[in-house]
Amino acid sequence: MDVAPGRAPFTLPAGHTLTGSWNGAFTVSGQSVTIRNAAHNGTLAPGGGTISVGFQVSRPNGDTVLPSGYTCA
């Protein structure tokens, strides 16, 4: 999968809903989620560091399927 710089797409399992996130701009379309750089961490110097992003998902009771398809670029 080709991914534009500064994006990390992934797929939520059916019935799961993104309920919270941090350090990224999240876009949701159906079960597809794309994380983009947030304004405060959009530019890092080469070799200068890393950022962490995170999210919370609600899921149907008893469903233990995890999001899939993570690709970073």
N, C-alpha and C. Protein backbone atom coordinates (compact mmCIF):
# COMPACT_ATOMS: atom_id res chain seq x y z
N MET A 1 0.84 -1.16 0.00
CA MET A 1 0.00 0.00 0.00
C MET A 1 0.89 1.23 0.00
N ASP A 2 0.64 2.17 -0.90
CA ASP A 2 1.35 3.44 -0.89
C ASP A 2 0.63 4.40 0.03
N VAL A 3 1.39 5.02 0.90
CA VAL A 3 0.82 5.95 1.87
C VAL A 3 1.56 7.26 1.75
N ALA A 4 0.82 8.36 1.69
CA ALA A 4 1.44 9.68 1.63
C ALA A 4 2.17 9.96 2.93
N PRO A 5 3.29 10.68 2.87
CA PRO A 5 4.02 11.02 4.10
C PRO A 5 3.10 11.69 5.12
N GLY A 6 3.30 11.32 6.38
CA GLY A 6 2.52 11.93 7.45
C GLY A 6 1.15 11.32 7.64
N ARG A 7 0.90 10.15 7.04
CA ARG A 7 -0.39 9.49 7.20
C ARG A 7 -0.20 8.05 7.65
N ALA A 8 -1.14 7.56 8.43
CA ALA A 8 -1.13 6.16 8.86
C ALA A 8 -2.57 5.65 8.83
N PRO A 9 -2.95 4.91 7.79
CA PRO A 9 -4.32 4.39 7.71
C PRO A 9 -4.45 3.05 8.41
N PHE A 10 -5.66 2.75 8.89
CA PHE A 10 -5.97 1.43 9.43
C PHE A 10 -7.47 1.22 9.36
N THR A 11 -7.90 -0.01 9.61
CA THR A 11 -9.32 -0.37 9.51
C THR A 11 -9.83 -0.84 10.87
N LEU A 12 -10.96 -0.28 11.28
CA LEU A 12 -11.62 -0.73 12.50
C LEU A 12 -12.50 -1.93 12.17
N PRO A 13 -12.55 -2.92 13.04
CA PRO A 13 -13.46 -4.05 12.81
C PRO A 13 -14.92 -3.57 12.82
N ALA A 14 -15.78 -4.32 12.18
CA ALA A 14 -17.21 -3.98 12.14
C ALA A 14 -17.74 -3.80 13.56
N GLY A 15 -18.55 -2.78 13.75
CA GLY A 15 -19.16 -2.52 15.06
C GLY A 15 -18.31 -1.69 16.00
N HIS A 16 -17.04 -1.45 15.66
CA HIS A 16 -16.15 -0.66 16.50
C HIS A 16 -16.26 0.82 16.13
N THR A 17 -16.09 1.69 17.11
CA THR A 17 -16.21 3.13 16.90
C THR A 17 -15.06 3.85 17.58
N LEU A 18 -14.41 4.75 16.86
CA LEU A 18 -13.35 5.57 17.44
C LEU A 18 -14.00 6.54 18.42
N THR A 19 -13.54 6.53 19.69
CA THR A 19 -14.17 7.36 20.71
C THR A 19 -13.23 8.40 21.31
N GLY A 20 -11.93 8.28 21.05
CA GLY A 20 -10.98 9.26 21.58
C GLY A 20 -9.65 9.11 20.88
N SER A 21 -8.87 10.20 20.86
CA SER A 21 -7.56 10.15 20.22
C SER A 21 -6.69 11.28 20.76
N TRP A 22 -5.36 11.14 20.52
CA TRP A 22 -4.44 12.19 20.93
C TRP A 22 -3.23 12.21 20.00
N ASN A 23 -2.64 13.39 19.88
CA ASN A 23 -1.43 13.66 19.08
C ASN A 23 -1.56 13.34 17.60
N GLY A 24 -2.75 13.39 17.07
CA GLY A 24 -2.95 13.18 15.64
C GLY A 24 -4.29 13.74 15.23
N ALA A 25 -4.44 13.98 13.92
CA ALA A 25 -5.72 14.39 13.36
C ALA A 25 -6.32 13.15 12.71
N PHE A 26 -7.42 12.66 13.25
CA PHE A 26 -8.02 11.42 12.80
C PHE A 26 -9.20 11.72 11.88
N THR A 27 -9.28 11.00 10.76
CA THR A 27 -10.40 11.08 9.84
C THR A 27 -11.01 9.69 9.76
N VAL A 28 -12.33 9.61 9.91
CA VAL A 28 -13.02 8.32 9.88
C VAL A 28 -14.02 8.33 8.73
N SER A 29 -13.99 7.26 7.92
CA SER A 29 -14.96 7.05 6.86
C SER A 29 -15.39 5.59 6.93
N GLY A 30 -16.57 5.36 7.48
CA GLY A 30 -17.00 3.98 7.70
C GLY A 30 -16.09 3.34 8.74
N GLN A 31 -15.43 2.27 8.38
CA GLN A 31 -14.50 1.60 9.28
C GLN A 31 -13.05 1.98 9.00
N SER A 32 -12.83 2.80 7.97
CA SER A 32 -11.47 3.23 7.61
C SER A 32 -11.09 4.48 8.39
N VAL A 33 -9.90 4.45 8.98
CA VAL A 33 -9.39 5.57 9.78
C VAL A 33 -8.03 5.98 9.22
N THR A 34 -7.80 7.27 9.10
CA THR A 34 -6.49 7.78 8.71
C THR A 34 -6.03 8.77 9.77
N ILE A 35 -4.80 8.59 10.23
CA ILE A 35 -4.19 9.51 11.18
C ILE A 35 -3.23 10.39 10.41
N ARG A 36 -3.32 11.70 10.62
CA ARG A 36 -2.40 12.65 10.02
C ARG A 36 -1.70 13.41 11.14
N ASN A 37 -0.61 14.06 10.78
CA ASN A 37 0.12 14.87 11.76
C ASN A 37 -0.81 15.92 12.36
N ALA A 38 -0.69 16.13 13.63
CA ALA A 38 -1.38 17.25 14.28
C ALA A 38 -0.54 18.51 14.05
N ALA A 39 -1.15 19.65 14.20
CA ALA A 39 -0.45 20.92 13.95
C ALA A 39 0.80 21.05 14.81
N HIS A 40 0.77 20.55 16.04
CA HIS A 40 1.90 20.73 16.96
C HIS A 40 3.03 19.73 16.75
N ASN A 41 2.84 18.71 15.90
CA ASN A 41 3.90 17.73 15.70
C ASN A 41 4.10 17.37 14.23
N GLY A 42 3.74 18.26 13.35
CA GLY A 42 3.78 17.97 11.92
C GLY A 42 5.16 17.96 11.30
N THR A 43 6.15 18.56 11.94
CA THR A 43 7.48 18.61 11.35
C THR A 43 8.52 18.18 12.38
N LEU A 44 9.29 17.18 12.04
CA LEU A 44 10.39 16.74 12.88
C LEU A 44 11.66 16.79 12.05
N ALA A 45 12.74 17.22 12.66
CA ALA A 45 14.03 17.25 11.96
C ALA A 45 14.48 15.82 11.70
N PRO A 46 15.19 15.58 10.58
CA PRO A 46 15.71 14.24 10.31
C PRO A 46 16.52 13.73 11.50
N GLY A 47 16.19 12.56 11.96
CA GLY A 47 16.87 11.96 13.10
C GLY A 47 16.58 12.68 14.41
N GLY A 48 15.63 13.63 14.39
CA GLY A 48 15.39 14.47 15.54
C GLY A 48 14.42 13.95 16.56
N GLY A 49 13.73 12.89 16.26
CA GLY A 49 12.82 12.38 17.26
C GLY A 49 11.66 11.62 16.65
N THR A 50 10.75 11.26 17.50
CA THR A 50 9.56 10.54 17.08
C THR A 50 8.36 11.15 17.79
N ILE A 51 7.20 10.79 17.33
CA ILE A 51 5.98 11.18 18.03
C ILE A 51 5.19 9.92 18.33
N SER A 52 4.29 10.01 19.25
CA SER A 52 3.38 8.93 19.57
C SER A 52 1.96 9.43 19.37
N VAL A 53 1.13 8.60 18.81
CA VAL A 53 -0.29 8.90 18.70
C VAL A 53 -1.04 7.76 19.38
N GLY A 54 -2.25 8.03 19.73
CA GLY A 54 -3.04 7.00 20.36
C GLY A 54 -4.51 7.21 20.10
N PHE A 55 -5.28 6.16 20.34
CA PHE A 55 -6.72 6.26 20.16
C PHE A 55 -7.43 5.27 21.06
N GLN A 56 -8.69 5.55 21.29
CA GLN A 56 -9.56 4.66 22.06
C GLN A 56 -10.71 4.26 21.16
N VAL A 57 -11.14 3.01 21.30
CA VAL A 57 -12.22 2.48 20.47
C VAL A 57 -13.24 1.79 21.36
N SER A 58 -14.51 2.02 21.09
CA SER A 58 -15.54 1.22 21.76
C SER A 58 -15.87 0.05 20.85
N ARG A 59 -16.24 -1.07 21.45
CA ARG A 59 -16.52 -2.25 20.66
C ARG A 59 -17.69 -3.01 21.28
N PRO A 60 -18.33 -3.85 20.46
CA PRO A 60 -19.45 -4.62 21.00
C PRO A 60 -18.99 -5.51 22.15
N ASN A 61 -19.85 -5.73 23.11
CA ASN A 61 -19.54 -6.56 24.27
C ASN A 61 -19.03 -7.94 23.84
N GLY A 62 -17.87 -8.33 24.36
CA GLY A 62 -17.31 -9.64 24.07
C GLY A 62 -16.50 -9.72 22.80
N ASP A 63 -16.48 -8.66 21.99
CA ASP A 63 -15.74 -8.66 20.72
C ASP A 63 -14.28 -8.31 21.01
N THR A 64 -13.36 -9.18 20.67
CA THR A 64 -11.95 -8.94 20.95
C THR A 64 -11.12 -8.73 19.68
N VAL A 65 -11.76 -8.54 18.53
CA VAL A 65 -11.04 -8.30 17.28
C VAL A 65 -10.35 -6.94 17.37
N LEU A 66 -9.11 -6.85 16.88
CA LEU A 66 -8.32 -5.62 16.94
C LEU A 66 -8.30 -4.93 15.59
N PRO A 67 -8.10 -3.58 15.57
CA PRO A 67 -7.93 -2.87 14.31
C PRO A 67 -6.77 -3.48 13.52
N SER A 68 -6.80 -3.31 12.20
CA SER A 68 -5.76 -3.93 11.36
C SER A 68 -5.31 -2.97 10.27
N GLY A 69 -4.24 -3.39 9.60
CA GLY A 69 -3.77 -2.68 8.41
C GLY A 69 -2.92 -1.48 8.68
N TYR A 70 -2.26 -1.40 9.82
CA TYR A 70 -1.43 -0.25 10.12
C TYR A 70 -0.28 -0.14 9.14
N THR A 71 -0.11 1.04 8.57
CA THR A 71 1.01 1.33 7.69
C THR A 71 1.44 2.75 7.96
N CYS A 72 2.69 2.96 8.25
CA CYS A 72 3.18 4.31 8.48
C CYS A 72 4.14 4.71 7.37
N ALA A 73 4.11 5.98 7.04
CA ALA A 73 5.04 6.49 6.04
C ALA A 73 5.46 7.89 6.40
